[in-house]
């Protein structure tokens, strides 16, 4: 016999409406809590302790763009003396000693240069004697040629006189025709001899002048050579180019020095300048006459850029600063810090600098509203030593997190505990 399902049936009682109400209320509360948690954490919200954050207020005002640099005090006029010739140095002063302009600071012993000067002076004396000998020979030759010319002149005069006598005698038939023609031939021969003697005299005179001029040019060349050697010998005595103080001596007493080797420096104490090392990233923004503020030994001095090096060394650009500090005691190579003013911006939004610029790449930040910080896009502009310009994304009076944002950029909101 097949059994029915009457043994499996269960009779259920229908819940009351009041019970359904409580269940609905509990479900709503549960969904609300889950929604709040999802809104808070499901969308990337993080919580951070307030002690870990650094806040700053966005403000409007004037901002001065400056760059900081380190440098040293240098003399505006500090020439270096170099060896004019190889030899042994004889120092006559010590570092730190006061010297006057033109004072002999050191001497270089150069036997080779002294010997060459003596040889060239002897050669000059020989050329001078040779020139005098040439002048005497020229006078002797000229005298001989003058004698020949005068003799030819006398012969020509006598032949001319005989020709006139023969011409008159021939008119009266006192002499034969042969004697008349002979007198004419003698006159013509005397005239040719005189003409040649005169040309020889002129040519010899020009030749003697040319030879004498050639000898004078050779003598003058030798004199110039001796004068140059004498100058080099005189330059072996190193003199101070200005009145000041001996700086550093780079060689020792009686040391063998080479040609053009630096020996010592002389520092002028009347004018100083500052030499700064500025990062190469600011090289294109630097310009002459830009104002500079120097901090030297607790004293603030104002100046301006006087020169910018055209080359970059070790990622630094050398900058010269001119200033007037007559009442401040300065020393060569004294260390200092400086601020170079690049530009002044008026009435701009700005906020204090912080690590958020690097961590957020200057494109994002967190604006604080109560206990929540909302992620906002930023557009930053110029920056100074203490502030950075806010071009877009914030308003005056906004609170901004300026501390490091590493690990927080994935969250759209931050809960500040």
Protein backbone atom coordinates (compact mmCIF):
# COMPACT_ATOMS: atom_id res chain seq x y z
CA UNK A 1 0.00 0.00 0.00
CA UNK A 2 1.38 3.38 -1.05
CA UNK A 3 1.51 5.99 1.71
CA UNK A 4 0.62 9.63 1.09
CA UNK A 5 2.60 12.76 2.11
CA UNK A 6 0.47 13.55 5.06
CA UNK A 7 3.28 12.60 7.38
CA UNK A 8 5.68 15.15 5.83
CA UNK A 9 3.43 18.21 5.92
CA UNK A 10 4.15 20.89 8.54
CA UNK A 11 1.75 23.58 9.43
CA UNK A 12 3.43 27.11 9.72
CA UNK A 13 2.03 30.08 11.46
CA UNK A 14 2.16 33.46 9.61
CA UNK A 15 4.34 36.11 11.38
CA UNK A 16 2.64 39.18 12.57
CA UNK A 17 3.00 42.61 10.95
CA UNK A 18 4.90 44.02 13.97
CA UNK A 19 7.60 41.42 13.61
CA UNK A 20 8.00 42.26 9.91
CA UNK A 21 8.50 45.89 10.84
CA UNK A 22 11.38 45.17 13.20
CA UNK A 23 13.04 43.01 10.60
CA UNK A 24 12.79 45.75 7.97
CA UNK A 25 14.25 48.35 10.37
CA UNK A 26 17.22 46.09 11.17
CA UNK A 27 17.83 45.52 7.46
CA UNK A 28 17.81 49.26 6.78
CA UNK A 29 20.29 49.91 9.55
CA UNK A 30 22.53 47.17 8.22
CA UNK A 31 22.40 48.53 4.69
CA UNK A 32 23.06 52.07 5.94
CA UNK A 33 26.11 50.95 7.87
CA UNK A 34 27.41 49.01 4.89
CA UNK A 35 26.78 52.00 2.62
CA UNK A 36 28.64 54.31 4.96
CA UNK A 37 31.55 51.91 5.21
CA UNK A 38 31.58 51.46 1.43
CA UNK A 39 31.46 55.23 0.89
CA UNK A 40 34.22 55.75 3.40
CA UNK A 41 36.57 52.91 2.58
CA UNK A 42 35.29 51.30 -0.57
CA UNK A 43 36.08 54.43 -2.56
CA UNK A 44 39.71 54.68 -1.34
CA UNK A 45 39.37 56.77 1.84
CA UNK A 46 42.25 56.46 4.32
CA UNK A 47 42.67 57.71 7.82
CA UNK A 48 45.79 59.54 8.95
CA UNK A 49 46.73 60.98 12.31
CA UNK A 50 46.80 64.75 12.41
CA UNK A 51 50.23 64.72 14.05
CA UNK A 52 51.70 63.27 10.85
CA UNK A 53 50.36 66.06 8.67
CA UNK A 54 51.59 69.59 8.10
CA UNK A 55 49.01 72.14 7.02
CA UNK A 56 49.33 75.57 5.46
CA UNK A 57 46.84 78.26 4.53
CA UNK A 58 46.60 79.55 0.97
CA UNK A 59 47.06 83.30 1.03
CA UNK A 60 47.21 86.16 -1.44
CA UNK A 61 50.11 88.57 -1.47
CA UNK A 62 53.42 89.50 -3.03
CA UNK A 63 55.99 86.78 -3.63
CA UNK A 64 59.68 87.28 -4.33
CA UNK A 65 61.41 84.58 -6.34
CA UNK A 66 64.84 83.94 -4.88
CA UNK A 67 67.50 81.28 -5.10
CA UNK A 68 69.98 80.45 -2.37
CA UNK A 69 73.65 79.97 -3.09
CA UNK A 70 76.94 79.64 -1.29
CA UNK A 71 80.17 81.37 -2.19
CA UNK A 72 83.25 83.15 -0.97
CA UNK A 73 84.81 86.57 -0.84
CA UNK A 74 87.40 87.21 -3.55
CA UNK A 75 89.46 90.26 -4.36
CA UNK A 76 88.17 92.17 -7.35
CA UNK A 77 91.78 92.69 -8.43
CA UNK A 78 94.11 89.80 -7.56
CA UNK A 79 96.63 89.30 -10.38
CA UNK A 80 98.80 86.21 -10.50
CA UNK A 81 102.51 86.51 -11.33
CA UNK A 82 103.98 83.89 -13.68
CA UNK A 83 107.52 82.85 -14.43
CA UNK A 84 108.77 84.68 -17.57
CA UNK A 85 111.60 82.17 -18.12
CA UNK A 86 112.92 78.89 -16.69
CA UNK A 87 115.32 79.22 -13.78
CA UNK A 88 115.66 79.20 -10.01
CA UNK A 89 113.37 81.43 -7.97
CA UNK A 90 114.60 83.75 -5.27
CA UNK A 91 111.67 84.97 -3.14
CA UNK A 92 112.09 88.40 -1.56
CA UNK A 93 108.68 88.55 0.22
CA UNK A 94 106.43 86.21 2.17
CA UNK A 95 102.70 85.52 2.02
CA UNK A 96 100.68 88.17 3.85
CA UNK A 97 103.34 90.85 3.51
CA UNK A 98 102.24 94.33 2.42
CA UNK A 99 103.90 95.54 -0.81
CA UNK A 100 103.88 98.67 -2.95
CA UNK A 101 103.37 98.97 -6.67
CA UNK A 102 106.62 98.38 -8.53
CA UNK A 103 108.34 96.65 -5.59
CA UNK A 104 110.51 93.66 -6.52
CA UNK A 105 108.86 90.52 -5.11
CA UNK A 106 111.14 87.81 -6.51
CA UNK A 107 114.01 87.24 -8.91
CA UNK A 108 114.68 84.35 -11.26
CA UNK A 109 118.24 83.28 -11.98
CA UNK A 110 118.56 82.25 -15.66
CA UNK A 111 122.21 81.75 -16.73
CA UNK A 112 121.15 80.69 -20.22
CA UNK A 113 119.28 83.94 -20.81
CA UNK A 114 122.15 86.03 -19.44
CA UNK A 115 124.64 84.23 -21.70
CA UNK A 116 122.46 84.69 -24.76
CA UNK A 117 122.12 88.41 -24.00
CA UNK A 118 125.91 88.77 -23.77
CA UNK A 119 126.39 86.95 -27.08
CA UNK A 120 123.85 89.11 -28.87
CA UNK A 121 125.35 92.27 -27.41
CA UNK A 122 128.75 91.20 -28.76
CA UNK A 123 127.16 90.55 -32.16
CA UNK A 124 125.64 94.02 -32.05
CA UNK A 125 129.04 95.58 -31.36
CA UNK A 126 130.49 93.66 -34.30
CA UNK A 127 127.76 94.93 -36.61
CA UNK A 128 128.29 98.49 -35.43
CA UNK A 129 132.02 98.23 -36.24
CA UNK A 130 131.19 96.69 -39.62
CA UNK A 131 128.85 99.57 -40.37
CA UNK A 132 131.57 102.08 -39.49
CA UNK A 133 134.02 100.20 -41.76
CA UNK A 134 131.50 100.29 -44.58
CA UNK A 135 131.06 104.02 -44.10
CA UNK A 136 134.84 104.54 -44.33
CA UNK A 137 135.06 102.36 -47.45
CA UNK A 138 132.16 104.22 -48.97
CA UNK A 139 133.87 107.55 -48.33
CA UNK A 140 137.12 106.22 -49.84
CA UNK A 141 135.38 104.84 -52.92
CA UNK A 142 133.37 107.99 -53.36
CA UNK A 143 136.52 110.09 -53.10
CA UNK A 144 138.24 108.00 -55.77
CA UNK A 145 135.25 108.25 -58.08
CA UNK A 146 135.07 111.98 -57.50
CA UNK A 147 138.75 112.22 -58.47
CA UNK A 148 138.07 110.34 -61.68
CA UNK A 149 135.11 112.52 -62.47
CA UNK A 150 137.13 115.69 -61.90
CA UNK A 151 139.95 114.34 -64.06
CA UNK A 152 137.48 113.55 -66.83
CA UNK A 153 136.09 117.05 -66.48
CA UNK A 154 139.59 118.58 -66.86
CA UNK A 155 140.30 116.38 -69.88
CA UNK A 156 137.01 117.37 -71.45
CA UNK A 157 137.71 121.05 -70.87
CA UNK A 158 141.17 120.77 -72.44
CA UNK A 159 139.82 118.84 -75.43
CA UNK A 160 137.09 121.39 -75.92
CA UNK A 161 139.67 124.18 -75.89
CA UNK A 162 141.87 122.37 -78.40
CA UNK A 163 138.85 121.79 -80.62
CA UNK A 164 138.01 125.50 -80.65
CA UNK A 165 141.61 126.37 -81.51
CA UNK A 166 141.62 123.77 -84.29
CA UNK A 167 138.33 125.11 -85.64
CA UNK A 168 139.74 128.67 -85.88
CA UNK A 169 143.01 127.45 -87.39
CA UNK A 170 141.13 125.37 -89.95
CA UNK A 171 139.19 128.44 -91.05
CA UNK A 172 142.47 130.19 -92.02
CA UNK A 173 144.13 127.02 -93.29
CA UNK A 174 146.79 127.16 -90.58
CA UNK A 175 146.50 123.41 -89.81
CA UNK A 176 145.88 120.44 -91.94
CA UNK A 177 142.53 118.74 -92.18
CA UNK A 178 143.91 115.67 -90.40
CA UNK A 179 144.98 117.69 -87.37
CA UNK A 180 141.56 119.34 -87.31
CA UNK A 181 139.76 116.00 -87.33
CA UNK A 182 142.10 114.64 -84.65
CA UNK A 183 141.21 117.55 -82.37
CA UNK A 184 137.52 116.83 -82.91
CA UNK A 185 138.06 113.13 -82.12
CA UNK A 186 139.91 113.95 -78.94
CA UNK A 187 137.06 116.22 -77.85
CA UNK A 188 134.45 113.54 -78.55
CA UNK A 189 136.52 110.96 -76.67
CA UNK A 190 136.91 113.28 -73.69
CA UNK A 191 133.18 114.00 -73.65
CA UNK A 192 132.33 110.27 -73.68
CA UNK A 193 134.86 109.61 -70.91
CA UNK A 194 133.35 112.38 -68.80
CA UNK A 195 129.83 111.09 -69.37
CA UNK A 196 130.81 107.55 -68.34
CA UNK A 197 132.70 108.84 -65.30
CA UNK A 198 129.63 110.78 -64.20
CA UNK A 199 127.35 107.74 -64.62
CA UNK A 200 129.85 105.53 -62.77
CA UNK A 201 130.00 108.08 -59.97
CA UNK A 202 126.19 108.17 -59.64
CA UNK A 203 125.89 104.37 -59.77
CA UNK A 204 128.63 103.88 -57.21
CA UNK A 205 127.03 106.45 -54.94
CA UNK A 206 123.66 104.64 -55.10
CA UNK A 207 125.37 101.28 -54.55
CA UNK A 208 127.21 102.57 -51.48
CA UNK A 209 123.98 104.00 -50.08
CA UNK A 210 122.19 100.67 -50.62
CA UNK A 211 124.97 98.69 -48.94
CA UNK A 212 125.06 101.13 -46.06
CA UNK A 213 121.25 100.93 -45.70
CA UNK A 214 121.45 97.13 -45.72
CA UNK A 215 124.06 97.21 -42.99
CA UNK A 216 121.92 99.65 -40.95
CA UNK A 217 118.86 97.37 -41.27
CA UNK A 218 120.89 94.39 -40.04
CA UNK A 219 122.20 96.48 -37.15
CA UNK A 220 118.70 97.67 -36.23
CA UNK A 221 117.43 94.08 -36.30
CA UNK A 222 120.24 93.08 -33.97
CA UNK A 223 119.45 96.02 -31.68
CA UNK A 224 115.82 94.90 -31.50
CA UNK A 225 116.95 91.38 -30.64
CA UNK A 226 119.21 92.71 -27.89
CA UNK A 227 116.41 94.94 -26.59
CA UNK A 228 114.02 91.96 -26.42
CA UNK A 229 116.60 89.87 -24.56
CA UNK A 230 117.26 92.79 -22.24
CA UNK A 231 113.52 93.03 -21.58
CA UNK A 232 113.40 89.33 -20.75
CA UNK A 233 116.34 89.72 -18.39
CA UNK A 234 114.70 92.71 -16.73
CA UNK A 235 111.47 90.70 -16.41
CA UNK A 236 113.34 88.16 -14.29
CA UNK A 237 112.85 90.68 -11.49
CA UNK A 238 109.14 90.20 -10.69
CA UNK A 239 107.55 93.47 -9.57
CA UNK A 240 104.22 94.05 -7.87
CA UNK A 241 101.56 95.31 -10.33
CA UNK A 242 99.67 97.10 -7.54
CA UNK A 243 99.74 98.15 -3.92
CA UNK A 244 98.31 95.45 -1.70
CA UNK A 245 99.19 92.23 0.06
CA UNK A 246 101.02 89.14 -1.12
CA UNK A 247 98.48 86.32 -1.38
CA UNK A 248 99.64 82.75 -1.82
CA UNK A 249 103.18 81.76 -2.78
CA UNK A 250 103.00 78.66 -4.93
CA UNK A 251 106.73 77.83 -5.01
CA UNK A 252 109.51 77.35 -2.50
CA UNK A 253 112.75 79.31 -2.17
CA UNK A 254 115.40 78.36 -4.79
CA UNK A 255 112.95 76.03 -6.53
CA UNK A 256 113.47 75.32 -10.22
CA UNK A 257 110.54 76.84 -12.09
CA UNK A 258 109.36 76.35 -15.67
CA UNK A 259 108.25 78.89 -18.23
CA UNK A 260 104.81 80.45 -17.48
CA UNK A 261 104.57 78.66 -14.12
CA UNK A 262 102.36 80.49 -11.54
CA UNK A 263 104.52 81.81 -8.71
CA UNK A 264 102.52 84.08 -6.38
CA UNK A 265 99.53 86.40 -6.28
CA UNK A 266 99.07 89.97 -5.13
CA UNK A 267 95.71 90.93 -3.64
CA UNK A 268 94.30 94.43 -3.76
CA UNK A 269 92.69 95.35 -0.43
CA UNK A 270 90.66 98.25 -1.84
CA UNK A 271 87.82 96.31 -3.50
CA UNK A 272 86.23 92.90 -2.93
CA UNK A 273 83.65 90.85 -4.82
CA UNK A 274 81.66 87.72 -4.05
CA UNK A 275 81.95 84.57 -6.14
CA UNK A 276 78.82 82.38 -5.96
CA UNK A 277 78.14 78.82 -7.14
CA UNK A 278 74.60 78.73 -8.55
CA UNK A 279 72.93 75.47 -9.74
CA UNK A 280 72.93 75.19 -13.52
CA UNK A 281 69.12 74.87 -13.58
CA UNK A 282 68.91 78.60 -12.83
CA UNK A 283 71.60 79.65 -15.34
CA UNK A 284 69.12 80.82 -17.98
CA UNK A 285 67.26 82.98 -15.47
CA UNK A 286 70.30 84.89 -14.25
CA UNK A 287 71.08 88.34 -15.59
CA UNK A 288 73.43 91.21 -14.96
CA UNK A 289 72.53 93.82 -12.31
CA UNK A 290 70.13 91.41 -10.53
CA UNK A 291 69.99 92.27 -6.82
CA UNK A 292 71.77 89.94 -4.43
CA UNK A 293 71.69 89.77 -0.64
CA UNK A 294 74.87 88.50 1.01
CA UNK A 295 75.21 87.14 4.54
CA UNK A 296 78.83 87.46 5.70
CA UNK A 297 79.78 86.86 9.31
CA UNK A 298 76.37 87.87 10.61
CA UNK A 299 76.30 91.03 8.47
CA UNK A 300 73.91 91.53 5.56
CA UNK A 301 75.32 93.23 2.46
CA UNK A 302 73.41 94.12 -0.69
CA UNK A 303 74.96 93.95 -4.14
CA UNK A 304 74.27 93.08 -7.76
CA UNK A 305 75.45 90.53 -10.30
CA UNK A 306 78.49 91.84 -12.16
CA UNK A 307 79.43 88.78 -14.22
CA UNK A 308 78.20 85.30 -15.17
CA UNK A 309 80.56 82.55 -16.27
CA UNK A 310 79.79 81.18 -19.75
CA UNK A 311 80.73 77.62 -18.74
CA UNK A 312 79.32 75.08 -16.27
CA UNK A 313 81.65 73.27 -13.89
CA UNK A 314 80.40 70.41 -11.69
CA UNK A 315 76.75 71.37 -12.39
CA UNK A 316 77.42 74.88 -11.05
CA UNK A 317 77.59 78.30 -12.69
CA UNK A 318 80.10 80.78 -11.27
CA UNK A 319 78.59 84.23 -10.65
CA UNK A 320 80.45 87.39 -9.63
CA UNK A 321 78.68 89.86 -7.33
CA UNK A 322 79.75 93.47 -6.97
CA UNK A 323 78.98 95.23 -3.67
CA UNK A 324 80.05 98.18 -1.56
CA UNK A 325 81.09 97.27 2.00
CA UNK A 326 83.61 99.84 3.14
CA UNK A 327 82.64 99.47 6.81
CA UNK A 328 82.82 95.66 6.90
CA UNK A 329 86.08 93.85 7.53
CA UNK A 330 86.46 91.14 4.92
CA UNK A 331 89.07 88.55 4.13
CA UNK A 332 90.05 86.69 1.00
CA UNK A 333 88.16 83.35 0.59
CA UNK A 334 85.78 84.16 3.48
CA UNK A 335 82.67 81.96 3.23
CA UNK A 336 79.18 83.45 2.76
CA UNK A 337 75.60 82.65 1.85
CA UNK A 338 73.59 84.60 -0.68
CA UNK A 339 70.08 85.11 -2.02
CA UNK A 340 69.67 86.08 -5.66
CA UNK A 341 66.38 87.84 -6.39
CA UNK A 342 65.05 86.62 -9.75
CA UNK A 343 61.70 88.44 -9.89
CA UNK A 344 58.91 89.92 -7.75
CA UNK A 345 55.29 88.77 -8.26
CA UNK A 346 52.47 90.97 -6.93
CA UNK A 347 49.04 89.90 -5.69
CA UNK A 348 49.32 86.16 -6.33
CA UNK A 349 47.91 83.11 -4.57
CA UNK A 350 50.64 81.27 -2.75
CA UNK A 351 51.23 78.61 -0.14
CA UNK A 352 54.25 77.54 1.85
CA UNK A 353 56.59 75.09 0.17
CA UNK A 354 56.50 71.48 1.29
CA UNK A 355 57.13 67.89 0.33
CA UNK A 356 53.74 67.70 -1.40
CA UNK A 357 55.31 69.33 -4.48
CA UNK A 358 57.66 66.43 -5.10
CA UNK A 359 55.39 63.60 -3.95
CA UNK A 360 52.36 64.94 -5.86
CA UNK A 361 54.51 66.13 -8.79
CA UNK A 362 52.89 69.53 -8.36
CA UNK A 363 49.63 68.28 -9.93
CA UNK A 364 47.61 67.08 -6.93
CA UNK A 365 46.98 68.17 -3.36
CA UNK A 366 44.57 67.64 -0.46
CA UNK A 367 42.31 70.50 0.64
CA UNK A 368 41.25 70.14 4.27
CA UNK A 369 37.60 70.63 5.22
CA UNK A 370 36.96 69.75 8.84
CA UNK A 371 38.20 66.22 9.44
CA UNK A 372 38.25 65.32 5.77
CA UNK A 373 40.88 66.18 3.16
CA UNK A 374 39.69 66.07 -0.46
CA UNK A 375 42.03 65.37 -3.33
CA UNK A 376 42.04 68.26 -5.78
CA UNK A 377 44.02 68.88 -8.99
CA UNK A 378 46.54 71.70 -8.72
CA UNK A 379 48.43 73.94 -11.09
CA UNK A 380 51.50 75.47 -9.50
CA UNK A 381 53.58 78.30 -10.88
CA UNK A 382 56.70 80.14 -9.77
CA UNK A 383 58.38 79.25 -6.52
CA UNK A 384 60.55 81.08 -4.03
CA UNK A 385 62.64 79.85 -1.15
CA UNK A 386 59.60 79.67 1.16
CA UNK A 387 56.44 79.75 -1.00
CA UNK A 388 55.07 78.44 -4.26
CA UNK A 389 52.51 80.14 -6.50
CA UNK A 390 49.08 78.51 -6.87
CA UNK A 391 47.74 79.15 -10.38
CA UNK A 392 44.59 77.01 -10.20
CA UNK A 393 42.84 74.57 -7.89
CA UNK A 394 42.67 76.53 -4.61
CA UNK A 395 41.30 79.77 -3.22
CA UNK A 396 42.58 82.15 -0.61
CA UNK A 397 41.93 80.81 2.90
CA UNK A 398 41.94 77.12 1.92
CA UNK A 399 43.83 74.70 4.12
CA UNK A 400 46.28 72.47 2.24
CA UNK A 401 48.32 69.48 3.33
CA UNK A 402 51.93 70.38 2.48
CA UNK A 403 53.65 67.33 4.01
CA UNK A 404 54.72 64.22 2.11
CA UNK A 405 51.80 62.60 0.24
CA UNK A 406 53.51 59.31 -0.51
CA UNK A 407 51.04 56.44 -0.09
CA UNK A 408 48.00 58.75 0.00
CA UNK A 409 47.54 59.67 -3.66
CA UNK A 410 45.37 56.59 -4.33
CA UNK A 411 42.65 57.95 -2.02
CA UNK A 412 40.20 60.60 -3.09
CA UNK A 413 39.58 61.55 0.56
CA UNK A 414 41.60 61.34 3.76
CA UNK A 415 40.05 61.08 7.21
CA UNK A 416 42.12 63.11 9.68
CA UNK A 417 42.02 61.60 13.17
